Protein backbone atom coordinates (compact mmCIF):
# COMPACT_ATOMS: atom_id res chain seq x y z
CA MET A 1 91.95 143.52 120.02
CA ASP A 2 89.42 142.60 117.39
CA PRO A 3 88.92 138.77 117.39
CA VAL A 4 89.32 138.60 113.60
CA VAL A 5 92.61 140.49 113.73
CA ALA A 6 93.82 138.22 116.55
CA LEU A 7 92.90 135.14 114.52
CA VAL A 8 94.71 136.46 111.42
CA LEU A 9 97.81 137.28 113.49
CA GLY A 10 97.73 133.85 115.14
CA VAL A 11 97.44 132.00 111.84
CA SER A 12 100.18 134.18 110.33
CA CYS A 13 102.51 133.36 113.22
CA LEU A 14 101.80 129.66 112.79
CA LEU A 15 102.54 129.85 109.07
CA LEU A 16 105.79 131.73 109.69
CA LEU A 17 106.80 129.25 112.39
CA SER A 18 106.02 126.34 110.07
CA LEU A 19 108.07 127.86 107.25
CA TRP A 20 110.96 128.56 109.63
CA ARG A 21 110.95 124.99 110.91
CA HIS A 22 111.04 123.66 107.34
CA ARG A 23 113.86 125.95 106.34
CA SER A 24 115.90 125.40 109.52
CA GLY A 25 116.15 121.67 108.93
CA ARG A 26 116.55 121.64 105.18
CA GLY A 27 120.23 122.50 105.28
CA LYS A 28 120.94 118.95 106.46
CA LEU A 29 118.42 117.11 104.33
CA PRO A 30 118.60 116.49 100.57
CA PRO A 31 117.05 119.14 98.30
CA GLY A 32 113.45 118.99 97.21
CA PRO A 33 110.45 121.09 96.22
CA THR A 34 109.70 124.01 98.50
CA PRO A 35 106.98 122.96 100.96
CA LEU A 36 103.95 125.07 101.63
CA PRO A 37 103.30 126.03 105.26
CA ILE A 38 101.30 123.43 107.18
CA ILE A 39 100.50 121.16 104.18
CA GLY A 40 104.04 120.69 102.86
CA ASN A 41 104.25 119.10 99.38
CA ILE A 42 100.96 117.21 99.48
CA LEU A 43 99.61 119.10 96.45
CA GLN A 44 102.60 117.92 94.39
CA ILE A 45 101.88 114.23 94.97
CA ASP A 46 99.22 112.37 93.02
CA ILE A 47 97.81 109.97 95.62
CA LYS A 48 96.45 107.77 92.81
CA ASP A 49 99.89 107.38 91.25
CA ILE A 50 102.61 108.12 93.78
CA SER A 51 105.30 106.46 91.66
CA LYS A 52 104.70 108.79 88.75
CA SER A 53 104.92 111.84 91.04
CA LEU A 54 108.20 110.60 92.51
CA ARG A 55 109.60 109.86 89.05
CA ASN A 56 108.82 113.40 87.89
CA LEU A 57 110.36 114.94 91.01
CA SER A 58 113.50 112.81 90.66
CA LYS A 59 114.04 114.30 87.20
CA VAL A 60 114.30 117.71 88.86
CA TYR A 61 115.99 116.95 92.19
CA GLY A 62 117.94 113.77 91.48
CA PRO A 63 117.80 110.27 93.01
CA VAL A 64 117.77 111.50 96.62
CA PHE A 65 115.34 114.27 97.57
CA THR A 66 113.12 115.45 100.40
CA LEU A 67 109.34 115.81 100.48
CA TYR A 68 107.15 117.08 103.28
CA LEU A 69 103.82 115.50 104.13
CA GLY A 70 102.42 118.26 106.26
CA MET A 71 105.34 119.24 108.47
CA LYS A 72 106.95 115.80 108.35
CA PRO A 73 110.06 115.39 106.17
CA ILE A 74 110.41 112.25 104.05
CA VAL A 75 113.61 111.41 102.19
CA VAL A 76 112.86 109.67 98.89
CA LEU A 77 115.34 107.26 97.28
CA HIS A 78 114.77 106.80 93.55
CA GLY A 79 116.63 104.36 91.31
CA TYR A 80 118.56 101.13 91.88
CA GLU A 81 121.83 102.70 93.00
CA ALA A 82 120.28 104.87 95.73
CA VAL A 83 117.93 102.13 96.96
CA LYS A 84 120.66 99.48 97.05
CA GLU A 85 123.15 101.83 98.71
CA ALA A 86 120.67 102.55 101.51
CA LEU A 87 119.01 99.18 102.11
CA VAL A 88 122.05 96.96 101.52
CA ASP A 89 125.26 98.98 101.94
CA HIS A 90 123.84 100.95 104.89
CA GLY A 91 121.34 98.29 105.90
CA GLU A 92 121.57 98.74 109.68
CA GLU A 93 121.12 102.52 109.55
CA PHE A 94 118.10 102.30 107.21
CA ALA A 95 116.47 99.34 108.99
CA GLY A 96 114.00 101.42 110.98
CA ARG A 97 110.29 101.35 110.18
CA ASP A 98 108.22 104.50 109.92
CA SER A 99 104.61 104.05 110.94
CA ILE A 100 101.44 104.31 108.89
CA PRO A 101 98.83 106.22 110.95
CA ILE A 102 95.91 103.91 110.22
CA LEU A 103 97.98 100.94 111.43
CA LYS A 104 99.59 102.66 114.40
CA ARG A 105 96.32 102.66 116.32
CA SER A 106 95.63 98.98 115.75
CA LYS A 107 99.15 97.55 115.71
CA LYS A 108 100.61 99.80 118.45
CA ASN A 109 104.03 99.11 116.88
CA PHE A 110 103.83 95.43 117.82
CA GLY A 111 104.50 92.51 115.48
CA ILE A 112 107.23 92.05 112.90
CA VAL A 113 106.27 94.52 110.17
CA PHE A 114 105.94 97.82 112.05
CA SER A 115 108.06 97.30 115.17
CA ASN A 116 111.48 98.84 115.69
CA GLY A 117 114.75 98.47 117.53
CA LYS A 118 115.32 95.59 119.93
CA THR A 119 111.69 94.47 119.70
CA TRP A 120 111.83 94.16 115.91
CA LYS A 121 115.15 92.29 115.90
CA GLU A 122 114.00 89.83 118.54
CA ILE A 123 110.57 89.22 116.97
CA ARG A 124 112.06 88.84 113.49
CA ARG A 125 114.62 86.32 114.79
CA PHE A 126 111.91 84.46 116.68
CA SER A 127 109.58 84.45 113.65
CA LEU A 128 112.24 83.11 111.28
CA MET A 129 113.28 80.42 113.75
CA THR A 130 109.67 79.41 114.39
CA LEU A 131 108.74 79.32 110.72
CA ARG A 132 111.76 77.12 110.00
CA ASN A 133 110.77 74.85 112.87
CA PHE A 134 107.28 74.68 111.36
CA GLY A 135 108.79 73.61 108.05
CA MET A 136 109.37 76.76 105.95
CA GLY A 137 112.03 75.98 103.37
CA LYS A 138 111.56 72.25 103.92
CA ARG A 139 109.71 69.52 102.08
CA SER A 140 106.90 69.53 104.66
CA ILE A 141 105.84 73.04 103.62
CA GLU A 142 105.98 72.09 99.95
CA ASP A 143 103.67 69.17 100.72
CA ARG A 144 101.16 71.59 102.32
CA VAL A 145 101.29 73.97 99.37
CA GLN A 146 100.81 71.06 96.94
CA GLU A 147 97.83 69.85 98.96
CA GLU A 148 96.34 73.34 98.90
CA ALA A 149 96.96 73.61 95.16
CA ARG A 150 94.95 70.40 94.65
CA CYS A 151 92.14 71.78 96.84
CA LEU A 152 92.23 75.00 94.83
CA VAL A 153 91.82 73.05 91.59
CA GLU A 154 88.80 71.22 93.03
CA GLU A 155 87.18 74.53 94.03
CA LEU A 156 87.79 75.90 90.53
CA ARG A 157 86.18 72.80 89.01
CA LYS A 158 83.00 73.68 90.89
CA THR A 159 82.65 76.77 88.69
CA ASN A 160 81.84 74.38 85.79
CA GLY A 161 83.58 76.65 83.33
CA SER A 162 81.22 79.55 84.09
CA PRO A 163 82.55 83.12 84.36
CA CYS A 164 83.76 83.85 87.88
CA ASP A 165 85.61 86.50 89.83
CA PRO A 166 88.69 84.64 91.19
CA THR A 167 89.35 87.11 94.04
CA PHE A 168 87.84 85.07 96.86
CA ILE A 169 89.13 81.64 95.84
CA LEU A 170 92.65 82.93 95.23
CA GLY A 171 92.58 84.58 98.65
CA CYS A 172 91.62 81.33 100.37
CA ALA A 173 94.54 79.28 99.06
CA PRO A 174 97.51 81.24 100.50
CA CYS A 175 95.54 82.01 103.66
CA ASN A 176 95.05 78.27 104.22
CA VAL A 177 98.79 77.70 103.82
CA ILE A 178 99.45 80.18 106.65
CA CYS A 179 96.73 78.46 108.69
CA SER A 180 98.42 75.09 108.14
CA ILE A 181 101.73 76.56 109.34
CA ILE A 182 100.45 78.42 112.40
CA PHE A 183 97.45 76.27 113.41
CA LYS A 184 98.62 72.97 111.88
CA ASN A 185 95.26 72.80 110.15
CA ARG A 186 93.68 73.91 106.87
CA TYR A 187 90.03 74.92 106.57
CA ASP A 188 87.23 74.24 104.17
CA TYR A 189 86.67 77.23 101.93
CA GLN A 190 83.12 77.54 103.30
CA ASP A 191 84.06 77.41 106.99
CA PRO A 192 82.38 80.50 108.56
CA ASP A 193 85.38 81.46 110.73
CA PHE A 194 87.72 81.04 107.77
CA LEU A 195 85.41 83.16 105.58
CA THR A 196 85.44 85.93 108.19
CA LEU A 197 89.25 85.90 108.30
CA VAL A 198 89.62 86.05 104.50
CA ASN A 199 87.07 88.85 104.18
CA LYS A 200 88.81 90.90 106.89
CA LEU A 201 92.17 90.49 105.16
CA ASN A 202 90.67 91.54 101.81
CA GLU A 203 89.10 94.60 103.41
CA ASN A 204 92.37 95.59 105.08
CA ILE A 205 94.34 95.61 101.84
CA ARG A 206 91.62 97.63 100.09
CA ILE A 207 91.72 100.28 102.83
CA LEU A 208 95.51 100.47 102.86
CA SER A 209 95.72 100.72 99.07
CA SER A 210 93.17 103.48 98.66
CA ALA A 211 95.81 106.12 99.53
CA TRP A 212 98.71 106.78 101.89
CA VAL A 213 96.59 107.25 104.93
CA GLN A 214 102.78 108.13 109.83
CA GLU A 215 106.47 107.12 117.11
CA LYS A 216 108.07 106.08 119.99
CA ASP A 217 110.10 102.91 120.51
CA ASN A 218 108.22 100.18 122.29
CA GLN A 219 110.06 99.52 125.53
CA GLY A 220 107.91 96.58 126.63
CA LEU A 221 108.74 92.92 126.69
CA GLU A 222 109.01 91.27 123.27
CA TYR A 223 107.08 88.10 124.06
CA THR A 224 103.88 89.59 125.37
CA TYR A 225 100.57 88.05 124.30
CA GLU A 226 99.68 91.23 122.37
CA ASN A 227 103.00 91.24 120.51
CA LEU A 228 102.75 87.58 119.53
CA VAL A 229 99.15 88.01 118.36
CA SER A 230 100.23 91.01 116.29
CA THR A 231 103.09 88.99 114.79
CA ALA A 232 100.69 86.21 113.80
CA SER A 233 98.42 88.86 112.30
CA ASP A 234 101.36 90.20 110.29
CA LEU A 235 102.09 86.73 108.95
CA PHE A 236 98.48 86.37 107.83
CA GLY A 237 98.38 89.83 106.26
CA ALA A 238 101.71 89.62 104.50
CA GLY A 239 101.45 85.92 103.70
CA THR A 240 97.91 86.03 102.34
CA GLU A 241 97.20 89.32 100.62
CA THR A 242 100.48 89.81 98.78
CA THR A 243 100.35 86.32 97.30
CA SER A 244 96.62 86.34 96.49
CA THR A 245 96.89 89.79 94.85
CA THR A 246 99.87 88.59 92.80
CA LEU A 247 97.92 85.49 91.75
CA ARG A 248 94.93 87.60 90.68
CA TYR A 249 97.20 89.88 88.68
CA ALA A 250 98.99 86.85 87.22
CA LEU A 251 95.77 85.32 85.86
CA LEU A 252 94.76 88.69 84.39
CA LEU A 253 98.12 88.99 82.61
CA LEU A 254 97.90 85.42 81.36
CA LEU A 255 94.42 86.19 79.98
CA LYS A 256 95.81 89.33 78.35
CA HIS A 257 98.71 87.43 76.76
CA PRO A 258 97.40 84.02 75.60
CA GLN A 259 100.58 83.33 73.64
CA VAL A 260 102.55 83.45 76.90
CA THR A 261 100.01 81.17 78.59
CA ALA A 262 100.27 78.67 75.75
CA LYS A 263 104.07 78.51 76.06
CA VAL A 264 103.82 77.98 79.83
CA GLN A 265 101.30 75.17 79.35
CA GLU A 266 103.52 73.60 76.71
CA GLU A 267 106.43 73.61 79.18
CA ILE A 268 104.20 72.15 81.91
CA GLN A 269 103.11 69.34 79.58
CA CYS A 270 106.70 68.62 78.56
CA VAL A 271 108.27 68.64 82.05
CA ILE A 272 105.43 67.61 84.39
CA GLY A 273 102.72 66.04 82.26
CA ARG A 274 99.11 65.57 83.36
CA HIS A 275 99.26 62.88 86.00
CA ARG A 276 101.42 64.18 88.85
CA SER A 277 101.47 67.35 90.87
CA PRO A 278 104.07 70.03 90.09
CA CYS A 279 106.94 70.21 92.59
CA MET A 280 109.69 72.72 93.23
CA GLN A 281 112.31 70.52 91.57
CA ASP A 282 110.46 71.11 88.28
CA ARG A 283 111.20 74.82 88.40
CA SER A 284 114.87 74.47 87.38
CA ARG A 285 113.75 72.63 84.23
CA MET A 286 111.13 75.25 83.30
CA PRO A 287 113.06 78.46 82.49
CA TYR A 288 110.22 80.05 80.51
CA THR A 289 107.67 79.53 83.30
CA ASP A 290 110.21 80.83 85.79
CA ALA A 291 110.80 83.91 83.66
CA VAL A 292 107.04 84.50 83.46
CA LEU A 293 106.79 84.44 87.26
CA TYR A 294 109.65 86.90 87.59
CA GLU A 295 108.10 89.17 84.98
CA ILE A 296 104.67 89.07 86.63
CA GLN A 297 106.17 90.32 89.89
CA ARG A 298 108.29 92.92 88.12
CA TYR A 299 105.47 94.20 85.96
CA ILE A 300 102.75 94.49 88.61
CA ASP A 301 105.05 96.39 91.00
CA LEU A 302 103.00 95.24 93.99
CA LEU A 303 104.46 97.67 96.58
CA PRO A 304 105.42 100.74 94.53
CA VAL A 305 107.01 102.75 97.35
CA ASN A 306 107.78 99.78 99.60
CA LEU A 307 106.78 99.92 103.24
CA PRO A 308 108.12 103.15 104.79
CA HIS A 309 111.55 102.88 106.38
CA ALA A 310 113.21 105.21 108.91
CA VAL A 311 116.84 105.81 109.81
CA THR A 312 117.87 104.39 113.17
CA CYS A 313 120.51 107.06 113.85
CA ASP A 314 121.89 110.26 112.31
CA VAL A 315 123.19 109.11 108.92
CA LYS A 316 125.57 110.78 106.51
CA PHE A 317 124.31 109.67 103.11
CA ARG A 318 125.71 111.09 99.87
CA ASN A 319 126.95 114.21 101.66
CA TYR A 320 123.57 114.80 103.30
CA LEU A 321 122.91 114.41 107.00
CA ILE A 322 119.65 112.59 107.64
CA PRO A 323 118.54 112.94 111.28
CA LYS A 324 117.58 109.88 113.31
CA GLY A 325 113.93 108.92 112.89
CA THR A 326 113.52 110.55 109.47
CA ALA A 327 111.07 108.64 107.26
CA ILE A 328 112.50 107.01 104.13
CA TRP A 329 110.56 106.11 100.99
CA THR A 330 112.33 103.69 98.65
CA SER A 331 110.80 103.66 95.19
CA LEU A 332 110.70 100.01 94.14
CA THR A 333 108.99 101.12 90.92
CA SER A 334 112.15 102.96 89.90
CA VAL A 335 114.10 99.70 90.31
CA LEU A 336 111.64 97.22 88.82
CA HIS A 337 110.83 99.51 85.89
CA ASP A 338 114.37 100.70 85.15
CA ASN A 339 114.52 101.06 81.37
CA LYS A 340 118.25 100.29 81.16
CA GLU A 341 117.89 96.96 82.94
CA PHE A 342 114.48 96.12 81.44
CA PRO A 343 113.95 97.46 77.90
CA HIS A 344 110.37 98.71 77.51
CA PRO A 345 109.57 98.25 81.23
CA GLU A 346 105.95 99.29 80.70
CA MET A 347 105.41 96.15 78.60
CA PHE A 348 104.78 92.65 79.95
CA ASP A 349 107.62 90.61 78.45
CA PRO A 350 109.07 87.40 79.99
CA GLY A 351 112.08 88.03 77.73
CA HIS A 352 113.27 90.50 80.38
CA PHE A 353 114.42 87.45 82.35
CA LEU A 354 115.66 85.20 79.52
CA ASP A 355 119.04 85.20 77.82
CA ASP A 356 119.64 84.62 74.12
CA CYS A 357 119.67 80.86 74.69
CA GLY A 358 116.32 80.83 76.49
CA ASN A 359 117.86 80.29 79.92
CA LEU A 360 116.73 82.19 82.99
CA ARG A 361 118.53 85.52 83.45
CA LYS A 362 118.46 86.76 87.03
CA SER A 363 118.76 90.44 87.84
CA ASP A 364 119.91 92.40 90.90
CA TYR A 365 117.10 94.84 90.05
CA PHE A 366 114.46 92.24 90.95
CA MET A 367 113.31 93.60 94.32
CA PRO A 368 109.58 92.86 94.73
CA PHE A 369 110.31 91.61 98.26
CA SER A 370 112.44 94.69 99.06
CA SER A 371 116.08 94.21 100.08
CA GLY A 372 118.37 94.45 103.06
CA LYS A 373 117.52 94.00 106.74
CA ARG A 374 113.76 94.48 106.24
CA MET A 375 113.47 92.07 103.33
CA CYS A 376 110.27 90.00 103.45
CA VAL A 377 110.69 87.03 105.81
CA GLY A 378 108.27 84.97 103.73
CA GLU A 379 109.93 85.37 100.33
CA SER A 380 110.74 81.68 99.90
CA LEU A 381 107.18 80.66 100.82
CA ALA A 382 105.65 83.24 98.48
CA ARG A 383 107.83 82.13 95.56
CA MET A 384 106.91 78.49 96.23
CA GLU A 385 103.19 79.31 96.35
CA LEU A 386 103.25 81.34 93.13
CA PHE A 387 105.00 78.55 91.23
CA LEU A 388 102.94 75.64 92.56
CA PHE A 389 99.54 77.37 92.47
CA LEU A 390 99.93 78.78 88.94
CA THR A 391 101.45 75.66 87.39
CA THR A 392 98.77 73.47 89.01
CA ILE A 393 95.99 75.75 87.72
CA LEU A 394 97.44 75.81 84.18
CA GLN A 395 98.02 72.04 84.30
CA HIS A 396 94.28 71.48 84.73
CA PHE A 397 92.56 74.45 83.06
CA HIS A 398 92.54 76.63 80.01
CA LEU A 399 91.82 80.27 80.85
CA LYS A 400 89.05 81.93 78.87
CA SER A 401 88.37 85.65 78.91
CA GLN A 402 84.87 87.10 78.59
CA VAL A 403 86.17 89.79 76.26
CA ASP A 404 88.83 90.05 73.58
CA PRO A 405 92.17 89.77 75.41
CA LYS A 406 93.32 92.96 73.70
CA GLU A 407 90.53 94.85 75.48
CA LEU A 408 91.58 93.72 78.97
CA ASP A 409 92.88 96.58 81.07
CA THR A 410 95.74 95.72 83.45
CA THR A 411 96.02 99.20 84.98
CA PRO A 412 95.79 98.99 88.78
CA ILE A 413 92.59 100.38 90.30
CA ALA A 414 94.42 101.42 93.46
CA ASN A 415 98.05 102.34 93.91
CA GLY A 416 98.51 103.33 97.55
CA LEU A 417 100.33 100.83 99.75
CA ALA A 418 99.78 98.13 97.12
CA SER A 419 98.88 98.01 93.44
CA LEU A 420 95.54 96.22 93.12
CA PRO A 421 94.39 94.74 89.79
CA PRO A 422 91.03 95.74 88.30
CA LEU A 423 88.11 93.39 88.87
CA TYR A 424 87.55 90.86 86.11
CA LYS A 425 85.90 87.53 85.42
CA LEU A 426 87.25 84.50 83.60
CA CYS A 427 86.28 80.92 82.85
CA PHE A 428 88.33 77.94 84.01
CA ILE A 429 87.85 75.37 81.23
CA PRO A 430 89.07 71.87 82.21
CA VAL A 431 91.88 70.61 80.00
């Protein structure tokens, strides 16, 4: 047989087999766009704006639909009702974690973020217990965050009001908090080992956010050296980059909206004054500042499609049968930017979290830390850091933009795993 003819026949058979495999499983899965052989629905997803692609597809196929990345099916949940029903009402069944290929090689499914089954449950329990023993949720942690906030202010003073890119400094502060928890020690911002750690963490989040770069259960012992090291690494990655990125985005939004910044500083002056450090007890007396923090996290939509979940068993969900191990994408964008819960969700407006009397209005749609069994273990620490770092900065500095605030662009420059703010410079002018 002619080699060319044999090649054509071989490729044709592969294409037909691929199409048959897609079709044979689709009777159980939710509907979705017809996948192409081999590549699936990749051409129908804009890697630079996954959330927009999912929103458009949900208009056609509803809040629960199936995509194929190559030959791999992914069930997408879009909108508050579908996300809440899966992660909360069926929390155990949707508590699996699908893997990200670029991390699978380095993490080997160890740690707390990307492990599964018995290993994940045991490591999560151990991590929560250990963090509490180290002071998370207690006054001792607040003291460390306050100390770091004061160190952060001193580093910002060294800029002498000159234009600076805040990326590095804002990365050091939350990283040092994690260091103080795990190593019982904070580091000078110029310490060479500390600089290496911060730079590696920054590089990791840039790689993961450039695009969506997907296992077998780990049957080993939970408390191996490799697993514990990976867990510590997860705490650094999750506890540093998410908070520092949120802080960077927060300062950009405060530059963009000086009237909001002025109202926050007015509340700081009224409640805290100039001569003592902010503390968490102040938060309940500062509803506008609290609403601003909620709105920052809602608006920036830090993890648009969440970390990928997987079902832990065959699940009947809304009359569909989702086979065990199927990857699940939960669109947090569709929850945080729901236009019925948040009028004009594309606008930055602290009023989304204030009632008619100016009191804080909480919302079940506020899910920046996800929800259910896989909810972020460090939520309380992150919320403490955001409040104390931002109020301490605004207590001591006015923020000055290099350009007209109206010209500042807040569109993320990357929207893969995380939404990263564009680079910018600002001046910290002492009050």
